[in-house]
């Protein structure tokens, strides 16, 4: 197996598993750990993986997006803390948009149950989680359902969303960077997210530290449009300060 073939195998495994470790790869591929480290460095230089201590995880890009099932198994403690902190930013909002994805669903589940809320979402999971609540009115956007995320997309969803004025939008993204803003691989997803940004008076981005610096194909929002960014302490304090200089409050929890 040459280096290109080995790196393709490593990348494929990282995408299937959600992450890879040097020691396990070395045993699996029968090569030295230093060879695996060189492979991971090469993949990182091409923007395909992000290095971690002892391994790497795949970077979402224009041609690759992790599944919802994978997202429910990665960084769960961090996502739970982020969701709790993001829900505490609700303030006096009465109408809320909750984006698709596992972390936004955790935010939805963290919203207070004792007060009336109208929640607009493209996510079937969010709708199912909140619909039984007696004080919640749930509006599910219509459109084509993506099998990978169980969320509605395309112009039907965006057109319905355009008719609302929303107090607060909880946004997710495949990547966030100071240069390219909020991005996602799929244009149909970006269309709905961009409309949510336009329809909302306040906007909060919630995402784990691995989202920062990642860039996907479709840009749907800019960092200065955000009121707040909620992430975990894996984002360095200096980098959080750089984002804060662009306008939003940055919370590391």
C-alpha atoms as a PDB file:
ATOM      1  CA  UNK A   1       0.000   0.000   0.000  1.00  0.00           C
ATOM      2  CA  UNK A   2       1.518   3.339  -1.037  1.00  0.00           C
ATOM      3  CA  UNK A   3       1.150   6.560   0.940  1.00  0.00           C
ATOM      4  CA  UNK A   4      -1.740   7.936  -1.152  1.00  0.00           C
ATOM      5  CA  UNK A   5      -3.759   4.753  -0.761  1.00  0.00           C
ATOM      6  CA  UNK A   6      -3.002   4.595   2.944  1.00  0.00           C
ATOM      7  CA  UNK A   7      -4.093   8.215   3.421  1.00  0.00           C
ATOM      8  CA  UNK A   8      -7.327   7.570   1.560  1.00  0.00           C
ATOM      9  CA  UNK A   9      -7.994   4.638   3.892  1.00  0.00           C
ATOM     10  CA  UNK A  10      -7.221   6.777   6.930  1.00  0.00           C
ATOM     11  CA  UNK A  11      -9.554   9.536   5.758  1.00  0.00           C
ATOM     12  CA  UNK A  12     -12.338   7.068   4.966  1.00  0.00           C
ATOM     13  CA  UNK A  13     -11.993   5.482   8.407  1.00  0.00           C
ATOM     14  CA  UNK A  14     -11.985   8.886  10.120  1.00  0.00           C
ATOM     15  CA  UNK A  15     -15.198   9.818   8.334  1.00  0.00           C
ATOM     16  CA  UNK A  16     -16.889   6.533   9.224  1.00  0.00           C
ATOM     17  CA  UNK A  17     -15.809   6.544  12.880  1.00  0.00           C
ATOM     18  CA  UNK A  18     -15.740  10.271  13.558  1.00  0.00           C
ATOM     19  CA  UNK A  19     -12.088  10.186  14.662  1.00  0.00           C
ATOM     20  CA  UNK A  20      -8.913   8.097  14.460  1.00  0.00           C
ATOM     21  CA  UNK A  21      -5.964   7.450  16.765  1.00  0.00           C
ATOM     22  CA  UNK A  22      -2.332   7.071  15.770  1.00  0.00           C
ATOM     23  CA  UNK A  23      -1.702   3.880  17.746  1.00  0.00           C
ATOM     24  CA  UNK A  24      -4.782   2.109  16.420  1.00  0.00           C
ATOM     25  CA  UNK A  25      -4.023   3.142  12.824  1.00  0.00           C
ATOM     26  CA  UNK A  26      -0.434   1.970  13.110  1.00  0.00           C
ATOM     27  CA  UNK A  27      -1.599  -1.478  14.194  1.00  0.00           C
ATOM     28  CA  UNK A  28      -4.376  -1.637  11.646  1.00  0.00           C
ATOM     29  CA  UNK A  29      -2.175  -0.629   8.708  1.00  0.00           C
ATOM     30  CA  UNK A  30       1.002  -2.356   9.947  1.00  0.00           C
ATOM     31  CA  UNK A  31       3.182   0.752   9.780  1.00  0.00           C
ATOM     32  CA  UNK A  32       5.158   2.772  12.307  1.00  0.00           C
ATOM     33  CA  UNK A  33       3.334   5.424  14.374  1.00  0.00           C
ATOM     34  CA  UNK A  34       5.567   8.104  12.865  1.00  0.00           C
ATOM     35  CA  UNK A  35       4.338   7.099   9.404  1.00  0.00           C
ATOM     36  CA  UNK A  36       0.765   7.624  10.564  1.00  0.00           C
ATOM     37  CA  UNK A  37       1.707  11.005  12.046  1.00  0.00           C
ATOM     38  CA  UNK A  38       3.171  12.055   8.686  1.00  0.00           C
ATOM     39  CA  UNK A  39      -0.011  10.886   6.967  1.00  0.00           C
ATOM     40  CA  UNK A  40      -2.165  12.886   9.352  1.00  0.00           C
ATOM     41  CA  UNK A  41       0.005  15.958   8.887  1.00  0.00           C
ATOM     42  CA  UNK A  42      -0.406  15.645   5.117  1.00  0.00           C
ATOM     43  CA  UNK A  43      -4.171  15.262   5.422  1.00  0.00           C
ATOM     44  CA  UNK A  44      -4.324  18.251   7.776  1.00  0.00           C
ATOM     45  CA  UNK A  45      -2.322  20.380   5.328  1.00  0.00           C
ATOM     46  CA  UNK A  46      -4.966  19.638   2.706  1.00  0.00           C
ATOM     47  CA  UNK A  47      -7.746  20.654   5.110  1.00  0.00           C
ATOM     48  CA  UNK A  48      -9.216  17.154   5.326  1.00  0.00           C
ATOM     49  CA  UNK A  49      -8.609  16.444   9.019  1.00  0.00           C
ATOM     50  CA  UNK A  50      -7.921  18.386  12.189  1.00  0.00           C
ATOM     51  CA  UNK A  51      -5.121  17.058  14.375  1.00  0.00           C
ATOM     52  CA  UNK A  52      -5.732  16.201  18.009  1.00  0.00           C
ATOM     53  CA  UNK A  53      -3.457  14.853  20.720  1.00  0.00           C
ATOM     54  CA  UNK A  54      -2.804  11.308  19.518  1.00  0.00           C
ATOM     55  CA  UNK A  55      -5.055  11.355  16.481  1.00  0.00           C
ATOM     56  CA  UNK A  56      -7.357  13.404  14.247  1.00  0.00           C
ATOM     57  CA  UNK A  57     -10.983  13.977  13.298  1.00  0.00           C
ATOM     58  CA  UNK A  58     -12.407  14.724   9.836  1.00  0.00           C
ATOM     59  CA  UNK A  59     -13.084  18.296   8.776  1.00  0.00           C
ATOM     60  CA  UNK A  60     -16.432  18.908   7.131  1.00  0.00           C
ATOM     61  CA  UNK A  61     -16.012  20.447   3.708  1.00  0.00           C
ATOM     62  CA  UNK A  62     -17.785  21.102   0.432  1.00  0.00           C
ATOM     63  CA  UNK A  63     -17.681  17.401  -0.380  1.00  0.00           C
ATOM     64  CA  UNK A  64     -18.135  15.808   3.035  1.00  0.00           C
ATOM     65  CA  UNK A  65     -20.603  16.170   5.888  1.00  0.00           C
ATOM     66  CA  UNK A  66     -20.804  14.011   9.009  1.00  0.00           C
ATOM     67  CA  UNK A  67     -24.111  12.243   9.662  1.00  0.00           C
ATOM     68  CA  UNK A  68     -26.531  13.148  12.436  1.00  0.00           C
ATOM     69  CA  UNK A  69     -25.831   9.773  14.079  1.00  0.00           C
ATOM     70  CA  UNK A  70     -22.099  10.554  14.191  1.00  0.00           C
ATOM     71  CA  UNK A  71     -22.738  13.954  15.744  1.00  0.00           C
ATOM     72  CA  UNK A  72     -24.696  12.376  18.616  1.00  0.00           C
ATOM     73  CA  UNK A  73     -21.577  10.481  19.713  1.00  0.00           C
ATOM     74  CA  UNK A  74     -18.908  13.207  19.479  1.00  0.00           C
ATOM     75  CA  UNK A  75     -18.123  15.865  22.117  1.00  0.00           C
ATOM     76  CA  UNK A  76     -21.359  15.101  23.968  1.00  0.00           C
ATOM     77  CA  UNK A  77     -20.302  16.594  27.363  1.00  0.00           C
ATOM     78  CA  UNK A  78     -19.161  19.800  25.655  1.00  0.00           C
ATOM     79  CA  UNK A  79     -22.340  20.008  23.577  1.00  0.00           C
ATOM     80  CA  UNK A  80     -24.483  19.527  26.672  1.00  0.00           C
ATOM     81  CA  UNK A  81     -22.737  22.399  28.468  1.00  0.00           C
ATOM     82  CA  UNK A  82     -22.991  24.609  25.393  1.00  0.00           C
ATOM     83  CA  UNK A  83     -26.699  23.867  25.022  1.00  0.00           C
ATOM     84  CA  UNK A  84     -27.407  24.809  28.632  1.00  0.00           C
ATOM     85  CA  UNK A  85     -25.483  28.072  28.323  1.00  0.00           C
ATOM     86  CA  UNK A  86     -27.111  28.943  25.002  1.00  0.00           C
ATOM     87  CA  UNK A  87     -30.613  28.345  26.380  1.00  0.00           C
ATOM     88  CA  UNK A  88     -29.831  30.792  29.200  1.00  0.00           C
ATOM     89  CA  UNK A  89     -29.467  33.545  26.555  1.00  0.00           C
ATOM     90  CA  UNK A  90     -33.190  33.298  25.733  1.00  0.00           C
ATOM     91  CA  UNK A  91     -33.988  36.533  27.556  1.00  0.00           C
ATOM     92  CA  UNK A  92     -37.507  37.780  26.860  1.00  0.00           C
ATOM     93  CA  UNK A  93     -37.749  36.104  23.437  1.00  0.00           C
ATOM     94  CA  UNK A  94     -41.176  34.675  22.694  1.00  0.00           C
ATOM     95  CA  UNK A  95     -40.492  33.337  19.193  1.00  0.00           C
ATOM     96  CA  UNK A  96     -37.409  31.220  18.600  1.00  0.00           C
ATOM     97  CA  UNK A  97     -35.842  29.570  15.567  1.00  0.00           C
ATOM     98  CA  UNK A  98     -33.920  26.380  16.336  1.00  0.00           C
ATOM     99  CA  UNK A  99     -31.583  25.161  13.604  1.00  0.00           C
ATOM    100  CA  UNK A 100     -31.130  21.564  12.491  1.00  0.00           C
ATOM    101  CA  UNK A 101     -28.495  19.367  14.129  1.00  0.00           C
ATOM    102  CA  UNK A 102     -27.769  17.553  17.365  1.00  0.00           C
ATOM    103  CA  UNK A 103     -26.520  20.546  19.365  1.00  0.00           C
ATOM    104  CA  UNK A 104     -29.487  22.762  18.393  1.00  0.00           C
ATOM    105  CA  UNK A 105     -31.766  19.901  19.450  1.00  0.00           C
ATOM    106  CA  UNK A 106     -30.045  19.873  22.843  1.00  0.00           C
ATOM    107  CA  UNK A 107     -30.647  23.625  23.068  1.00  0.00           C
ATOM    108  CA  UNK A 108     -34.343  23.093  22.294  1.00  0.00           C
ATOM    109  CA  UNK A 109     -34.584  20.506  25.054  1.00  0.00           C
ATOM    110  CA  UNK A 110     -32.911  22.979  27.459  1.00  0.00           C
ATOM    111  CA  UNK A 111     -35.416  25.772  26.838  1.00  0.00           C
ATOM    112  CA  UNK A 112     -37.674  26.523  29.821  1.00  0.00           C
ATOM    113  CA  UNK A 113     -40.879  24.515  29.989  1.00  0.00           C
ATOM    114  CA  UNK A 114     -42.848  26.854  32.256  1.00  0.00           C
ATOM    115  CA  UNK A 115     -43.226  29.799  29.853  1.00  0.00           C
ATOM    116  CA  UNK A 116     -45.024  29.999  26.496  1.00  0.00           C
ATOM    117  CA  UNK A 117     -42.737  29.792  23.484  1.00  0.00           C
ATOM    118  CA  UNK A 118     -43.310  29.613  19.760  1.00  0.00           C
ATOM    119  CA  UNK A 119     -40.536  27.564  18.173  1.00  0.00           C
ATOM    120  CA  UNK A 120     -39.885  27.536  14.436  1.00  0.00           C
ATOM    121  CA  UNK A 121     -37.616  24.785  13.138  1.00  0.00           C
ATOM    122  CA  UNK A 122     -36.647  22.780  10.080  1.00  0.00           C
ATOM    123  CA  UNK A 123     -35.648  19.840  12.287  1.00  0.00           C
ATOM    124  CA  UNK A 124     -38.001  16.901  12.731  1.00  0.00           C
ATOM    125  CA  UNK A 125     -36.073  15.975  15.875  1.00  0.00           C
ATOM    126  CA  UNK A 126     -36.546  19.409  17.434  1.00  0.00           C
ATOM    127  CA  UNK A 127     -40.240  19.393  16.533  1.00  0.00           C
ATOM    128  CA  UNK A 128     -40.734  15.945  18.058  1.00  0.00           C
ATOM    129  CA  UNK A 129     -38.880  16.927  21.235  1.00  0.00           C
ATOM    130  CA  UNK A 130     -40.902  20.091  21.854  1.00  0.00           C
ATOM    131  CA  UNK A 131     -44.355  19.259  20.469  1.00  0.00           C
ATOM    132  CA  UNK A 132     -45.528  17.420  23.655  1.00  0.00           C
ATOM    133  CA  UNK A 133     -44.814  20.459  25.834  1.00  0.00           C
ATOM    134  CA  UNK A 134     -48.068  22.198  26.844  1.00  0.00           C
ATOM    135  CA  UNK A 135     -46.536  25.693  26.652  1.00  0.00           C
ATOM    136  CA  UNK A 136     -44.776  25.209  23.306  1.00  0.00           C
ATOM    137  CA  UNK A 137     -46.214  26.045  19.909  1.00  0.00           C
ATOM    138  CA  UNK A 138     -44.093  24.319  17.272  1.00  0.00           C
ATOM    139  CA  UNK A 139     -44.029  25.388  13.626  1.00  0.00           C
ATOM    140  CA  UNK A 140     -42.248  22.880  11.398  1.00  0.00           C
ATOM    141  CA  UNK A 141     -41.023  24.335   8.102  1.00  0.00           C
ATOM    142  CA  UNK A 142     -42.222  22.464   5.044  1.00  0.00           C
ATOM    143  CA  UNK A 143     -39.983  21.158   2.276  1.00  0.00           C
ATOM    144  CA  UNK A 144     -37.881  18.210   1.205  1.00  0.00           C
ATOM    145  CA  UNK A 145     -36.559  16.154   4.125  1.00  0.00           C
ATOM    146  CA  UNK A 146     -32.842  15.365   4.014  1.00  0.00           C
ATOM    147  CA  UNK A 147     -32.311  11.780   5.084  1.00  0.00           C
ATOM    148  CA  UNK A 148     -28.910  12.494   6.611  1.00  0.00           C
ATOM    149  CA  UNK A 149     -30.182  15.176   9.010  1.00  0.00           C
ATOM    150  CA  UNK A 150     -33.983  14.703   9.115  1.00  0.00           C
ATOM    151  CA  UNK A 151     -34.470  18.387   8.403  1.00  0.00           C
ATOM    152  CA  UNK A 152     -36.473  20.213   5.751  1.00  0.00           C
ATOM    153  CA  UNK A 153     -34.687  22.205   3.059  1.00  0.00           C
ATOM    154  CA  UNK A 154     -35.149  23.946  -0.311  1.00  0.00           C
ATOM    155  CA  UNK A 155     -37.150  27.009  -1.256  1.00  0.00           C
ATOM    156  CA  UNK A 156     -40.381  25.779   0.368  1.00  0.00           C
ATOM    157  CA  UNK A 157     -38.827  25.967   3.828  1.00  0.00           C
ATOM    158  CA  UNK A 158     -37.067  29.262   3.132  1.00  0.00           C
ATOM    159  CA  UNK A 159     -40.236  30.865   1.740  1.00  0.00           C
ATOM    160  CA  UNK A 160     -42.253  29.882   4.824  1.00  0.00           C
ATOM    161  CA  UNK A 161     -39.516  31.200   7.101  1.00  0.00           C
ATOM    162  CA  UNK A 162     -39.419  34.514   5.224  1.00  0.00           C
ATOM    163  CA  UNK A 163     -42.947  35.244   6.447  1.00  0.00           C
ATOM    164  CA  UNK A 164     -41.902  35.334  10.117  1.00  0.00           C
ATOM    165  CA  UNK A 165     -40.238  37.903  12.370  1.00  0.00           C
ATOM    166  CA  UNK A 166     -38.331  35.859  14.958  1.00  0.00           C
ATOM    167  CA  UNK A 167     -37.024  37.168  18.261  1.00  0.00           C
ATOM    168  CA  UNK A 168     -34.032  34.833  18.534  1.00  0.00           C
ATOM    169  CA  UNK A 169     -32.383  32.304  16.221  1.00  0.00           C
ATOM    170  CA  UNK A 170     -30.153  29.544  17.551  1.00  0.00           C
ATOM    171  CA  UNK A 171     -27.833  28.752  14.657  1.00  0.00           C
ATOM    172  CA  UNK A 172     -25.478  25.900  13.932  1.00  0.00           C
ATOM    173  CA  UNK A 173     -22.958  25.546  11.102  1.00  0.00           C
ATOM    174  CA  UNK A 174     -20.494  23.074   9.673  1.00  0.00           C
ATOM    175  CA  UNK A 175     -17.802  25.702  10.023  1.00  0.00           C
ATOM    176  CA  UNK A 176     -17.207  29.189  11.361  1.00  0.00           C
ATOM    177  CA  UNK A 177     -14.241  31.392  10.555  1.00  0.00           C
ATOM    178  CA  UNK A 178     -13.417  35.059  10.942  1.00  0.00           C
ATOM    179  CA  UNK A 179     -12.641  35.312   7.225  1.00  0.00           C
ATOM    180  CA  UNK A 180     -15.532  33.350   5.715  1.00  0.00           C
ATOM    181  CA  UNK A 181     -18.241  33.504   8.372  1.00  0.00           C
ATOM    182  CA  UNK A 182     -20.766  30.697   8.837  1.00  0.00           C
ATOM    183  CA  UNK A 183     -20.661  27.956   6.214  1.00  0.00           C
ATOM    184  CA  UNK A 184     -22.282  24.633   5.322  1.00  0.00           C
ATOM    185  CA  UNK A 185     -21.686  22.180   2.450  1.00  0.00           C
ATOM    186  CA  UNK A 186     -25.208  22.015   0.985  1.00  0.00           C
ATOM    187  CA  UNK A 187     -26.735  25.001  -0.884  1.00  0.00           C
ATOM    188  CA  UNK A 188     -30.272  23.934   0.037  1.00  0.00           C
ATOM    189  CA  UNK A 189     -29.361  23.944   3.725  1.00  0.00           C
ATOM    190  CA  UNK A 190     -27.600  27.297   3.361  1.00  0.00           C
ATOM    191  CA  UNK A 191     -30.754  28.793   1.826  1.00  0.00           C
ATOM    192  CA  UNK A 192     -32.796  28.008   4.936  1.00  0.00           C
ATOM    193  CA  UNK A 193     -30.067  29.091   7.339  1.00  0.00           C
ATOM    194  CA  UNK A 194     -29.552  32.404   5.507  1.00  0.00           C
ATOM    195  CA  UNK A 195     -33.255  33.135   5.713  1.00  0.00           C
ATOM    196  CA  UNK A 196     -33.216  32.388   9.437  1.00  0.00           C
ATOM    197  CA  UNK A 197     -30.417  34.943   9.846  1.00  0.00           C
ATOM    198  CA  UNK A 198     -32.463  37.524   7.920  1.00  0.00           C
ATOM    199  CA  UNK A 199     -35.700  36.817   9.794  1.00  0.00           C
ATOM    200  CA  UNK A 200     -34.247  36.977  13.309  1.00  0.00           C
ATOM    201  CA  UNK A 201     -33.731  40.058  15.455  1.00  0.00           C
ATOM    202  CA  UNK A 202     -31.091  38.281  17.559  1.00  0.00           C
ATOM    203  CA  UNK A 203     -28.783  35.466  16.524  1.00  0.00           C
ATOM    204  CA  UNK A 204     -26.728  33.062  18.648  1.00  0.00           C
ATOM    205  CA  UNK A 205     -24.248  30.587  17.195  1.00  0.00           C
ATOM    206  CA  UNK A 206     -23.581  27.440  19.214  1.00  0.00           C
ATOM    207  CA  UNK A 207     -20.853  24.991  18.274  1.00  0.00           C
ATOM    208  CA  UNK A 208     -17.948  22.983  19.657  1.00  0.00           C
ATOM    209  CA  UNK A 209     -14.395  24.241  19.201  1.00  0.00           C
ATOM    210  CA  UNK A 210     -13.771  21.924  16.239  1.00  0.00           C
ATOM    211  CA  UNK A 211     -16.112  24.087  14.111  1.00  0.00           C
ATOM    212  CA  UNK A 212     -13.792  27.087  14.341  1.00  0.00           C
ATOM    213  CA  UNK A 213     -11.524  27.614  11.362  1.00  0.00           C
ATOM    214  CA  UNK A 214     -13.421  25.022   9.291  1.00  0.00           C
ATOM    215  CA  UNK A 215     -14.816  26.298   5.982  1.00  0.00           C
ATOM    216  CA  UNK A 216     -17.472  24.666   3.812  1.00  0.00           C
ATOM    217  CA  UNK A 217     -18.818  25.477   0.366  1.00  0.00           C
ATOM    218  CA  UNK A 218     -21.815  27.727   1.086  1.00  0.00           C
ATOM    219  CA  UNK A 219     -21.645  30.888   3.170  1.00  0.00           C
ATOM    220  CA  UNK A 220     -24.895  31.871   4.881  1.00  0.00           C
ATOM    221  CA  UNK A 221     -23.936  34.400   7.561  1.00  0.00           C
ATOM    222  CA  UNK A 222     -21.206  36.631   8.943  1.00  0.00           C
ATOM    223  CA  UNK A 223     -19.713  36.718  12.427  1.00  0.00           C
ATOM    224  CA  UNK A 224     -20.649  40.398  13.078  1.00  0.00           C
ATOM    225  CA  UNK A 225     -24.338  39.487  12.612  1.00  0.00           C
ATOM    226  CA  UNK A 226     -24.204  37.338  15.750  1.00  0.00           C
ATOM    227  CA  UNK A 227     -25.141  38.573  19.203  1.00  0.00           C
ATOM    228  CA  UNK A 228     -23.253  35.730  20.874  1.00  0.00           C
ATOM    229  CA  UNK A 229     -21.100  32.687  20.185  1.00  0.00           C
ATOM    230  CA  UNK A 230     -21.290  29.801  22.657  1.00  0.00           C
ATOM    231  CA  UNK A 231     -18.569  27.153  22.525  1.00  0.00           C
ATOM    232  CA  UNK A 232     -16.377  25.063  24.811  1.00  0.00           C
ATOM    233  CA  UNK A 233     -13.014  25.776  26.391  1.00  0.00           C
ATOM    234  CA  UNK A 234     -11.265  23.878  23.598  1.00  0.00           C
ATOM    235  CA  UNK A 235     -11.333  27.172  21.686  1.00  0.00           C
ATOM    236  CA  UNK A 236      -8.231  29.068  22.845  1.00  0.00           C
ATOM    237  CA  UNK A 237      -8.926  32.244  24.797  1.00  0.00           C
ATOM    238  CA  UNK A 238      -6.873  34.318  22.352  1.00  0.00           C
ATOM    239  CA  UNK A 239      -8.922  33.042  19.410  1.00  0.00           C
ATOM    240  CA  UNK A 240     -12.163  33.695  21.281  1.00  0.00           C
ATOM    241  CA  UNK A 241     -10.987  37.281  21.792  1.00  0.00           C
ATOM    242  CA  UNK A 242     -10.379  37.665  18.045  1.00  0.00           C
ATOM    243  CA  UNK A 243     -13.964  36.620  17.331  1.00  0.00           C
ATOM    244  CA  UNK A 244     -15.247  38.941  20.033  1.00  0.00           C
ATOM    245  CA  UNK A 245     -13.502  41.876  18.366  1.00  0.00           C
ATOM    246  CA  UNK A 246     -15.845  41.328  15.406  1.00  0.00           C
ATOM    247  CA  UNK A 247     -18.892  42.052  17.562  1.00  0.00           C
ATOM    248  CA  UNK A 248     -20.432  39.016  19.289  1.00  0.00           C
ATOM    249  CA  UNK A 249     -20.008  38.053  22.909  1.00  0.00           C
ATOM    250  CA  UNK A 250     -18.042  34.790  23.097  1.00  0.00           C
ATOM    251  CA  UNK A 251     -18.865  32.354  25.894  1.00  0.00           C
ATOM    252  CA  UNK A 252     -16.532  29.412  26.571  1.00  0.00           C
ATOM    253  CA  UNK A 253     -18.193  26.840  28.831  1.00  0.00           C
END
